[in-house]
């Protein structure tokens, strides 16, 4: 195989082989003495499959539902917003800087995809709230214990995901909390998530002792994180037939009928 053939083959095996329809334009305040550039480009693959893994590994990443997108700082400098097939980022000093960023981000996303089986996905999303709605929940004492100059400033930061409610001593416990369950399609790929309210007093179930073997627990973890039988086979160095047998035993022992139900069981019992 020639070097060119090898290069093409490698490109075919990666999640993202490149990007298209790139647009680089001036962004920010127009009269700024040092103009910056913003970049937008599109990709063929559905990036949303990576969102829970980025959310789990990137500090202060913000995952949203409507529309589905994730925002995070890449390499400590550039704000990125990823949609299912579109990426927007800023700010760059010149065109070369912007193009280099695109290449590095694509490489990063490919790395996340390649190593996703080793990452516990985080499906928790941020529901944007207006700062004034959050302000209604605050003590309005401007005590500054949260690190902000006023309760209104804290509310604005919280609405943008730049702080957490635990930083305000005036917040009480919520009436309910949300449990986020993954929903898988017939091929075992994550297709969406479902949120259910649970009482704050409700305790999570514990895994019954000796219900599943050590190997079955390993298979369940991969299965619940969306891995196909083929991927589980590769990760655990066992045959696809053996994986299928383990899956059948798991379904039987848990009293479930499909991957979605098994994933819910695994989530409720702290397996994932």
C-alpha atoms as a PDB file:
ATOM      1  CA  UNK A   1       0.000   0.000   0.000  1.00  0.00           C
ATOM      2  CA  UNK A   2       1.422   3.388  -1.025  1.00  0.00           C
ATOM      3  CA  UNK A   3       1.751   6.300   1.408  1.00  0.00           C
ATOM      4  CA  UNK A   4      -1.125   8.073  -0.336  1.00  0.00           C
ATOM      5  CA  UNK A   5      -3.361   4.992  -0.079  1.00  0.00           C
ATOM      6  CA  UNK A   6      -2.465   4.652   3.594  1.00  0.00           C
ATOM      7  CA  UNK A   7      -3.299   8.343   4.164  1.00  0.00           C
ATOM      8  CA  UNK A   8      -6.685   7.963   2.460  1.00  0.00           C
ATOM      9  CA  UNK A   9      -7.432   4.814   4.475  1.00  0.00           C
ATOM     10  CA  UNK A  10      -6.603   6.590   7.724  1.00  0.00           C
ATOM     11  CA  UNK A  11      -8.852   9.472   6.734  1.00  0.00           C
ATOM     12  CA  UNK A  12     -11.694   7.060   6.074  1.00  0.00           C
ATOM     13  CA  UNK A  13     -11.360   5.560   9.562  1.00  0.00           C
ATOM     14  CA  UNK A  14     -11.521   8.807  11.556  1.00  0.00           C
ATOM     15  CA  UNK A  15     -14.748  10.370  12.787  1.00  0.00           C
ATOM     16  CA  UNK A  16     -14.086  13.710  11.074  1.00  0.00           C
ATOM     17  CA  UNK A  17     -11.937  13.738   7.954  1.00  0.00           C
ATOM     18  CA  UNK A  18     -12.208  17.508   7.567  1.00  0.00           C
ATOM     19  CA  UNK A  19     -14.633  20.398   7.345  1.00  0.00           C
ATOM     20  CA  UNK A  20     -16.392  22.493   4.706  1.00  0.00           C
ATOM     21  CA  UNK A  21     -18.047  25.846   4.001  1.00  0.00           C
ATOM     22  CA  UNK A  22     -15.641  27.716   6.245  1.00  0.00           C
ATOM     23  CA  UNK A  23     -16.367  31.399   6.787  1.00  0.00           C
ATOM     24  CA  UNK A  24     -13.941  33.754   8.544  1.00  0.00           C
ATOM     25  CA  UNK A  25     -15.232  37.232   9.297  1.00  0.00           C
ATOM     26  CA  UNK A  26     -14.496  40.142  11.563  1.00  0.00           C
ATOM     27  CA  UNK A  27     -16.249  39.831  14.925  1.00  0.00           C
ATOM     28  CA  UNK A  28     -16.773  41.992  17.946  1.00  0.00           C
ATOM     29  CA  UNK A  29     -16.913  45.777  18.133  1.00  0.00           C
ATOM     30  CA  UNK A  30     -16.280  47.288  14.697  1.00  0.00           C
ATOM     31  CA  UNK A  31     -14.339  50.317  15.945  1.00  0.00           C
ATOM     32  CA  UNK A  32     -11.964  48.180  17.987  1.00  0.00           C
ATOM     33  CA  UNK A  33      -8.358  49.215  17.164  1.00  0.00           C
ATOM     34  CA  UNK A  34      -7.264  45.574  17.047  1.00  0.00           C
ATOM     35  CA  UNK A  35      -9.965  43.736  15.087  1.00  0.00           C
ATOM     36  CA  UNK A  36     -10.518  40.047  15.758  1.00  0.00           C
ATOM     37  CA  UNK A  37     -11.907  37.313  13.532  1.00  0.00           C
ATOM     38  CA  UNK A  38     -14.637  34.768  14.092  1.00  0.00           C
ATOM     39  CA  UNK A  39     -14.858  31.438  12.281  1.00  0.00           C
ATOM     40  CA  UNK A  40     -17.778  29.251  11.241  1.00  0.00           C
ATOM     41  CA  UNK A  41     -17.569  25.910   9.443  1.00  0.00           C
ATOM     42  CA  UNK A  42     -19.597  22.754   8.854  1.00  0.00           C
ATOM     43  CA  UNK A  43     -18.877  19.026   9.181  1.00  0.00           C
ATOM     44  CA  UNK A  44     -20.493  15.945   7.673  1.00  0.00           C
ATOM     45  CA  UNK A  45     -20.816  13.859  10.837  1.00  0.00           C
ATOM     46  CA  UNK A  46     -23.302  14.500  13.646  1.00  0.00           C
ATOM     47  CA  UNK A  47     -21.248  16.101  16.418  1.00  0.00           C
ATOM     48  CA  UNK A  48     -23.980  15.711  19.026  1.00  0.00           C
ATOM     49  CA  UNK A  49     -22.816  12.138  19.745  1.00  0.00           C
ATOM     50  CA  UNK A  50     -19.667  13.700  21.235  1.00  0.00           C
ATOM     51  CA  UNK A  51     -21.399  16.277  23.443  1.00  0.00           C
ATOM     52  CA  UNK A  52     -21.791  14.093  26.589  1.00  0.00           C
ATOM     53  CA  UNK A  53     -18.108  13.108  26.401  1.00  0.00           C
ATOM     54  CA  UNK A  54     -16.927  16.698  25.947  1.00  0.00           C
ATOM     55  CA  UNK A  55     -19.239  17.700  28.792  1.00  0.00           C
ATOM     56  CA  UNK A  56     -17.582  15.076  30.987  1.00  0.00           C
ATOM     57  CA  UNK A  57     -13.976  16.001  30.218  1.00  0.00           C
ATOM     58  CA  UNK A  58     -13.850  19.759  29.613  1.00  0.00           C
ATOM     59  CA  UNK A  59     -14.015  21.940  32.698  1.00  0.00           C
ATOM     60  CA  UNK A  60     -16.942  24.392  32.651  1.00  0.00           C
ATOM     61  CA  UNK A  61     -18.380  22.995  29.416  1.00  0.00           C
ATOM     62  CA  UNK A  62     -22.029  23.987  28.972  1.00  0.00           C
ATOM     63  CA  UNK A  63     -24.439  21.517  27.346  1.00  0.00           C
ATOM     64  CA  UNK A  64     -27.811  22.861  26.204  1.00  0.00           C
ATOM     65  CA  UNK A  65     -30.980  21.205  24.917  1.00  0.00           C
ATOM     66  CA  UNK A  66     -32.760  23.853  22.833  1.00  0.00           C
ATOM     67  CA  UNK A  67     -31.153  23.929  20.404  1.00  0.00           C
ATOM     68  CA  UNK A  68     -28.814  21.037  21.167  1.00  0.00           C
ATOM     69  CA  UNK A  69     -25.316  22.513  21.457  1.00  0.00           C
ATOM     70  CA  UNK A  70     -22.262  22.597  23.687  1.00  0.00           C
ATOM     71  CA  UNK A  71     -20.027  25.544  24.546  1.00  0.00           C
ATOM     72  CA  UNK A  72     -16.532  25.305  25.978  1.00  0.00           C
ATOM     73  CA  UNK A  73     -13.130  26.940  25.948  1.00  0.00           C
ATOM     74  CA  UNK A  74     -10.670  25.120  23.701  1.00  0.00           C
ATOM     75  CA  UNK A  75      -7.018  25.009  24.722  1.00  0.00           C
ATOM     76  CA  UNK A  76      -7.583  27.692  27.326  1.00  0.00           C
ATOM     77  CA  UNK A  77      -8.236  30.501  24.869  1.00  0.00           C
ATOM     78  CA  UNK A  78     -11.036  30.209  22.315  1.00  0.00           C
ATOM     79  CA  UNK A  79     -14.765  29.960  22.987  1.00  0.00           C
ATOM     80  CA  UNK A  80     -16.352  27.283  20.825  1.00  0.00           C
ATOM     81  CA  UNK A  81     -19.995  26.526  20.191  1.00  0.00           C
ATOM     82  CA  UNK A  82     -20.694  23.141  18.591  1.00  0.00           C
ATOM     83  CA  UNK A  83     -24.036  22.309  17.010  1.00  0.00           C
ATOM     84  CA  UNK A  84     -24.882  18.992  15.334  1.00  0.00           C
ATOM     85  CA  UNK A  85     -23.160  19.888  12.047  1.00  0.00           C
ATOM     86  CA  UNK A  86     -21.803  23.387  12.641  1.00  0.00           C
ATOM     87  CA  UNK A  87     -18.996  24.966  14.670  1.00  0.00           C
ATOM     88  CA  UNK A  88     -18.608  28.637  15.594  1.00  0.00           C
ATOM     89  CA  UNK A  89     -15.611  30.063  17.444  1.00  0.00           C
ATOM     90  CA  UNK A  90     -13.800  33.325  18.223  1.00  0.00           C
ATOM     91  CA  UNK A  91     -11.590  35.276  18.371  1.00  0.00           C
ATOM     92  CA  UNK A  92      -8.563  35.024  16.098  1.00  0.00           C
ATOM     93  CA  UNK A  93      -5.862  37.492  15.166  1.00  0.00           C
ATOM     94  CA  UNK A  94      -5.608  36.491  11.489  1.00  0.00           C
ATOM     95  CA  UNK A  95      -6.734  33.951   8.892  1.00  0.00           C
ATOM     96  CA  UNK A  96      -3.811  31.580   9.506  1.00  0.00           C
ATOM     97  CA  UNK A  97      -4.623  31.553  13.203  1.00  0.00           C
ATOM     98  CA  UNK A  98      -8.260  30.692  12.438  1.00  0.00           C
ATOM     99  CA  UNK A  99      -7.382  27.887  10.008  1.00  0.00           C
ATOM    100  CA  UNK A 100      -4.887  26.379  12.492  1.00  0.00           C
ATOM    101  CA  UNK A 101      -7.584  26.433  15.151  1.00  0.00           C
ATOM    102  CA  UNK A 102      -9.982  24.522  12.865  1.00  0.00           C
ATOM    103  CA  UNK A 103      -7.404  21.809  12.231  1.00  0.00           C
ATOM    104  CA  UNK A 104      -6.571  21.444  15.928  1.00  0.00           C
ATOM    105  CA  UNK A 105     -10.228  21.353  16.965  1.00  0.00           C
ATOM    106  CA  UNK A 106     -11.035  18.642  14.402  1.00  0.00           C
ATOM    107  CA  UNK A 107      -8.069  16.621  15.697  1.00  0.00           C
ATOM    108  CA  UNK A 108      -9.336  17.082  19.264  1.00  0.00           C
ATOM    109  CA  UNK A 109     -12.858  15.914  18.351  1.00  0.00           C
ATOM    110  CA  UNK A 110     -11.432  12.853  16.624  1.00  0.00           C
ATOM    111  CA  UNK A 111      -9.446  12.073  19.762  1.00  0.00           C
ATOM    112  CA  UNK A 112     -12.597  12.364  21.912  1.00  0.00           C
ATOM    113  CA  UNK A 113     -14.435   9.997  19.558  1.00  0.00           C
ATOM    114  CA  UNK A 114     -11.587   7.476  19.532  1.00  0.00           C
ATOM    115  CA  UNK A 115     -11.366   7.406  23.334  1.00  0.00           C
ATOM    116  CA  UNK A 116     -15.061   7.735  24.155  1.00  0.00           C
ATOM    117  CA  UNK A 117     -15.276   4.192  25.556  1.00  0.00           C
ATOM    118  CA  UNK A 118     -12.926   5.237  28.368  1.00  0.00           C
ATOM    119  CA  UNK A 119     -14.995   8.330  29.258  1.00  0.00           C
ATOM    120  CA  UNK A 120     -18.088   8.300  31.455  1.00  0.00           C
ATOM    121  CA  UNK A 121     -20.500  10.569  29.535  1.00  0.00           C
ATOM    122  CA  UNK A 122     -22.150  13.491  31.299  1.00  0.00           C
ATOM    123  CA  UNK A 123     -25.714  14.116  30.056  1.00  0.00           C
ATOM    124  CA  UNK A 124     -26.462  16.982  32.415  1.00  0.00           C
ATOM    125  CA  UNK A 125     -27.711  20.019  30.525  1.00  0.00           C
ATOM    126  CA  UNK A 126     -28.063  23.703  31.310  1.00  0.00           C
ATOM    127  CA  UNK A 127     -31.483  25.232  30.905  1.00  0.00           C
ATOM    128  CA  UNK A 128     -30.924  28.939  30.209  1.00  0.00           C
ATOM    129  CA  UNK A 129     -32.820  31.178  32.614  1.00  0.00           C
ATOM    130  CA  UNK A 130     -33.169  34.937  32.557  1.00  0.00           C
ATOM    131  CA  UNK A 131     -31.047  36.662  35.197  1.00  0.00           C
ATOM    132  CA  UNK A 132     -34.127  38.387  36.592  1.00  0.00           C
ATOM    133  CA  UNK A 133     -35.828  35.006  37.209  1.00  0.00           C
ATOM    134  CA  UNK A 134     -32.786  33.765  39.110  1.00  0.00           C
ATOM    135  CA  UNK A 135     -32.622  37.028  41.041  1.00  0.00           C
ATOM    136  CA  UNK A 136     -36.082  36.266  42.469  1.00  0.00           C
ATOM    137  CA  UNK A 137     -34.590  33.207  44.211  1.00  0.00           C
ATOM    138  CA  UNK A 138     -31.773  35.144  45.886  1.00  0.00           C
ATOM    139  CA  UNK A 139     -31.780  36.768  49.359  1.00  0.00           C
ATOM    140  CA  UNK A 140     -31.066  40.222  47.810  1.00  0.00           C
ATOM    141  CA  UNK A 141     -28.660  41.118  50.612  1.00  0.00           C
ATOM    142  CA  UNK A 142     -25.649  41.780  48.354  1.00  0.00           C
ATOM    143  CA  UNK A 143     -23.496  40.025  50.952  1.00  0.00           C
ATOM    144  CA  UNK A 144     -20.739  39.334  48.379  1.00  0.00           C
ATOM    145  CA  UNK A 145     -20.058  35.884  49.868  1.00  0.00           C
ATOM    146  CA  UNK A 146     -20.600  34.466  46.362  1.00  0.00           C
ATOM    147  CA  UNK A 147     -17.659  36.469  45.030  1.00  0.00           C
ATOM    148  CA  UNK A 148     -19.802  38.949  43.093  1.00  0.00           C
ATOM    149  CA  UNK A 149     -20.508  42.588  43.873  1.00  0.00           C
ATOM    150  CA  UNK A 150     -24.270  42.122  44.103  1.00  0.00           C
ATOM    151  CA  UNK A 151     -27.039  39.514  43.962  1.00  0.00           C
ATOM    152  CA  UNK A 152     -27.988  40.771  40.494  1.00  0.00           C
ATOM    153  CA  UNK A 153     -24.413  40.272  39.246  1.00  0.00           C
ATOM    154  CA  UNK A 154     -24.430  36.757  40.676  1.00  0.00           C
ATOM    155  CA  UNK A 155     -27.771  36.055  38.950  1.00  0.00           C
ATOM    156  CA  UNK A 156     -26.361  37.236  35.612  1.00  0.00           C
ATOM    157  CA  UNK A 157     -23.313  34.993  35.994  1.00  0.00           C
ATOM    158  CA  UNK A 158     -25.425  32.000  37.014  1.00  0.00           C
ATOM    159  CA  UNK A 159     -27.716  32.477  33.988  1.00  0.00           C
ATOM    160  CA  UNK A 160     -24.636  32.166  31.755  1.00  0.00           C
ATOM    161  CA  UNK A 161     -23.273  29.110  33.541  1.00  0.00           C
ATOM    162  CA  UNK A 162     -20.266  31.011  34.912  1.00  0.00           C
ATOM    163  CA  UNK A 163     -20.943  30.169  38.560  1.00  0.00           C
ATOM    164  CA  UNK A 164     -22.945  27.651  40.570  1.00  0.00           C
ATOM    165  CA  UNK A 165     -25.909  27.997  42.923  1.00  0.00           C
ATOM    166  CA  UNK A 166     -23.906  26.394  45.753  1.00  0.00           C
ATOM    167  CA  UNK A 167     -21.789  29.570  45.873  1.00  0.00           C
ATOM    168  CA  UNK A 168     -24.745  31.525  47.266  1.00  0.00           C
ATOM    169  CA  UNK A 169     -25.379  30.836  50.989  1.00  0.00           C
ATOM    170  CA  UNK A 170     -28.970  32.034  50.552  1.00  0.00           C
ATOM    171  CA  UNK A 171     -30.027  29.181  48.250  1.00  0.00           C
ATOM    172  CA  UNK A 172     -32.185  26.487  49.857  1.00  0.00           C
ATOM    173  CA  UNK A 173     -32.506  22.889  48.713  1.00  0.00           C
ATOM    174  CA  UNK A 174     -34.702  22.378  45.624  1.00  0.00           C
ATOM    175  CA  UNK A 175     -38.095  20.685  45.823  1.00  0.00           C
ATOM    176  CA  UNK A 176     -37.063  18.107  43.205  1.00  0.00           C
ATOM    177  CA  UNK A 177     -34.010  17.105  41.245  1.00  0.00           C
ATOM    178  CA  UNK A 178     -33.744  15.754  37.700  1.00  0.00           C
ATOM    179  CA  UNK A 179     -32.474  12.337  36.691  1.00  0.00           C
ATOM    180  CA  UNK A 180     -31.159  12.264  33.116  1.00  0.00           C
ATOM    181  CA  UNK A 181     -31.477   8.960  31.281  1.00  0.00           C
ATOM    182  CA  UNK A 182     -29.916   8.192  27.879  1.00  0.00           C
ATOM    183  CA  UNK A 183     -32.142   6.946  25.035  1.00  0.00           C
ATOM    184  CA  UNK A 184     -30.576   4.619  22.463  1.00  0.00           C
ATOM    185  CA  UNK A 185     -31.651   3.681  18.946  1.00  0.00           C
ATOM    186  CA  UNK A 186     -31.885   0.115  17.630  1.00  0.00           C
ATOM    187  CA  UNK A 187     -28.128   0.095  16.901  1.00  0.00           C
ATOM    188  CA  UNK A 188     -27.241   1.063  20.440  1.00  0.00           C
ATOM    189  CA  UNK A 189     -26.289   4.683  19.617  1.00  0.00           C
ATOM    190  CA  UNK A 190     -27.346   7.595  21.790  1.00  0.00           C
ATOM    191  CA  UNK A 191     -30.318   9.312  20.139  1.00  0.00           C
ATOM    192  CA  UNK A 192     -31.605  11.596  22.908  1.00  0.00           C
ATOM    193  CA  UNK A 193     -32.031  11.956  26.660  1.00  0.00           C
ATOM    194  CA  UNK A 194     -35.056  11.965  28.945  1.00  0.00           C
ATOM    195  CA  UNK A 195     -35.278  13.964  32.171  1.00  0.00           C
ATOM    196  CA  UNK A 196     -37.465  12.821  35.075  1.00  0.00           C
ATOM    197  CA  UNK A 197     -38.131  14.680  38.307  1.00  0.00           C
ATOM    198  CA  UNK A 198     -37.193  12.759  41.452  1.00  0.00           C
ATOM    199  CA  UNK A 199     -37.779  13.805  45.090  1.00  0.00           C
ATOM    200  CA  UNK A 200     -34.645  15.132  46.764  1.00  0.00           C
ATOM    201  CA  UNK A 201     -35.193  12.688  49.627  1.00  0.00           C
ATOM    202  CA  UNK A 202     -35.229   9.691  47.265  1.00  0.00           C
ATOM    203  CA  UNK A 203     -32.139   7.570  47.623  1.00  0.00           C
ATOM    204  CA  UNK A 204     -30.488   5.840  44.722  1.00  0.00           C
ATOM    205  CA  UNK A 205     -30.838   2.110  44.559  1.00  0.00           C
ATOM    206  CA  UNK A 206     -27.892  -0.045  45.451  1.00  0.00           C
ATOM    207  CA  UNK A 207     -26.745  -2.894  43.260  1.00  0.00           C
ATOM    208  CA  UNK A 208     -27.898  -6.243  44.643  1.00  0.00           C
ATOM    209  CA  UNK A 209     -24.894  -8.315  45.632  1.00  0.00           C
ATOM    210  CA  UNK A 210     -23.802 -10.985  43.154  1.00  0.00           C
ATOM    211  CA  UNK A 211     -26.638 -10.139  40.727  1.00  0.00           C
ATOM    212  CA  UNK A 212     -24.201  -9.761  37.824  1.00  0.00           C
ATOM    213  CA  UNK A 213     -20.786 -11.278  37.336  1.00  0.00           C
ATOM    214  CA  UNK A 214     -17.721  -9.025  37.028  1.00  0.00           C
ATOM    215  CA  UNK A 215     -17.664  -9.567  33.264  1.00  0.00           C
ATOM    216  CA  UNK A 216     -21.385  -8.847  32.942  1.00  0.00           C
ATOM    217  CA  UNK A 217     -20.884  -5.580  34.821  1.00  0.00           C
ATOM    218  CA  UNK A 218     -18.133  -4.631  32.378  1.00  0.00           C
ATOM    219  CA  UNK A 219     -20.394  -5.397  29.420  1.00  0.00           C
ATOM    220  CA  UNK A 220     -23.254  -3.462  31.023  1.00  0.00           C
ATOM    221  CA  UNK A 221     -21.092  -0.365  31.459  1.00  0.00           C
ATOM    222  CA  UNK A 222     -20.171  -0.347  27.773  1.00  0.00           C
ATOM    223  CA  UNK A 223     -23.722  -1.174  26.730  1.00  0.00           C
ATOM    224  CA  UNK A 224     -25.184   1.645  28.848  1.00  0.00           C
ATOM    225  CA  UNK A 225     -22.708   4.123  27.366  1.00  0.00           C
ATOM    226  CA  UNK A 226     -23.943   3.328  23.855  1.00  0.00           C
ATOM    227  CA  UNK A 227     -21.319   0.851  22.645  1.00  0.00           C
ATOM    228  CA  UNK A 228     -22.369  -1.676  20.011  1.00  0.00           C
ATOM    229  CA  UNK A 229     -21.708  -5.400  20.476  1.00  0.00           C
ATOM    230  CA  UNK A 230     -18.819  -5.094  18.026  1.00  0.00           C
ATOM    231  CA  UNK A 231     -17.234  -2.257  20.021  1.00  0.00           C
ATOM    232  CA  UNK A 232     -17.673  -4.173  23.282  1.00  0.00           C
ATOM    233  CA  UNK A 233     -16.054  -7.180  21.658  1.00  0.00           C
ATOM    234  CA  UNK A 234     -13.016  -5.109  20.629  1.00  0.00           C
ATOM    235  CA  UNK A 235     -12.714  -3.352  23.997  1.00  0.00           C
ATOM    236  CA  UNK A 236     -12.908  -6.526  26.109  1.00  0.00           C
ATOM    237  CA  UNK A 237     -11.093  -8.817  23.666  1.00  0.00           C
ATOM    238  CA  UNK A 238     -13.963 -11.299  23.493  1.00  0.00           C
ATOM    239  CA  UNK A 239     -15.937 -12.599  20.526  1.00  0.00           C
ATOM    240  CA  UNK A 240     -19.172 -10.875  19.387  1.00  0.00           C
ATOM    241  CA  UNK A 241     -20.992 -14.135  20.125  1.00  0.00           C
ATOM    242  CA  UNK A 242     -19.758 -14.033  23.728  1.00  0.00           C
ATOM    243  CA  UNK A 243     -20.887 -10.415  24.019  1.00  0.00           C
ATOM    244  CA  UNK A 244     -24.330 -11.390  22.738  1.00  0.00           C
ATOM    245  CA  UNK A 245     -24.520 -14.146  25.345  1.00  0.00           C
ATOM    246  CA  UNK A 246     -23.523 -11.748  28.142  1.00  0.00           C
ATOM    247  CA  UNK A 247     -26.137  -9.228  26.980  1.00  0.00           C
ATOM    248  CA  UNK A 248     -28.846 -11.919  26.991  1.00  0.00           C
ATOM    249  CA  UNK A 249     -27.858 -12.933  30.545  1.00  0.00           C
ATOM    250  CA  UNK A 250     -27.893  -9.282  31.657  1.00  0.00           C
ATOM    251  CA  UNK A 251     -31.390  -8.752  30.241  1.00  0.00           C
ATOM    252  CA  UNK A 252     -32.605 -11.918  31.946  1.00  0.00           C
ATOM    253  CA  UNK A 253     -31.101 -11.089  35.355  1.00  0.00           C
ATOM    254  CA  UNK A 254     -32.278  -7.478  35.337  1.00  0.00           C
ATOM    255  CA  UNK A 255     -35.698  -8.290  33.964  1.00  0.00           C
ATOM    256  CA  UNK A 256     -35.336  -5.811  31.062  1.00  0.00           C
ATOM    257  CA  UNK A 257     -36.054  -6.137  27.349  1.00  0.00           C
ATOM    258  CA  UNK A 258     -33.643  -3.777  25.599  1.00  0.00           C
ATOM    259  CA  UNK A 259     -30.563  -1.552  25.870  1.00  0.00           C
ATOM    260  CA  UNK A 260     -32.521   1.524  26.943  1.00  0.00           C
ATOM    261  CA  UNK A 261     -34.024  -0.277  29.936  1.00  0.00           C
ATOM    262  CA  UNK A 262     -30.650  -1.749  30.840  1.00  0.00           C
ATOM    263  CA  UNK A 263     -29.067   1.737  30.649  1.00  0.00           C
ATOM    264  CA  UNK A 264     -31.739   3.159  32.958  1.00  0.00           C
ATOM    265  CA  UNK A 265     -31.110   0.329  35.438  1.00  0.00           C
ATOM    266  CA  UNK A 266     -27.353   0.956  35.267  1.00  0.00           C
ATOM    267  CA  UNK A 267     -27.837   4.691  35.849  1.00  0.00           C
ATOM    268  CA  UNK A 268     -30.161   4.200  38.815  1.00  0.00           C
ATOM    269  CA  UNK A 269     -27.743   1.726  40.406  1.00  0.00           C
ATOM    270  CA  UNK A 270     -24.620   3.857  39.979  1.00  0.00           C
ATOM    271  CA  UNK A 271     -23.072   1.552  37.372  1.00  0.00           C
ATOM    272  CA  UNK A 272     -22.538   4.533  35.054  1.00  0.00           C
END
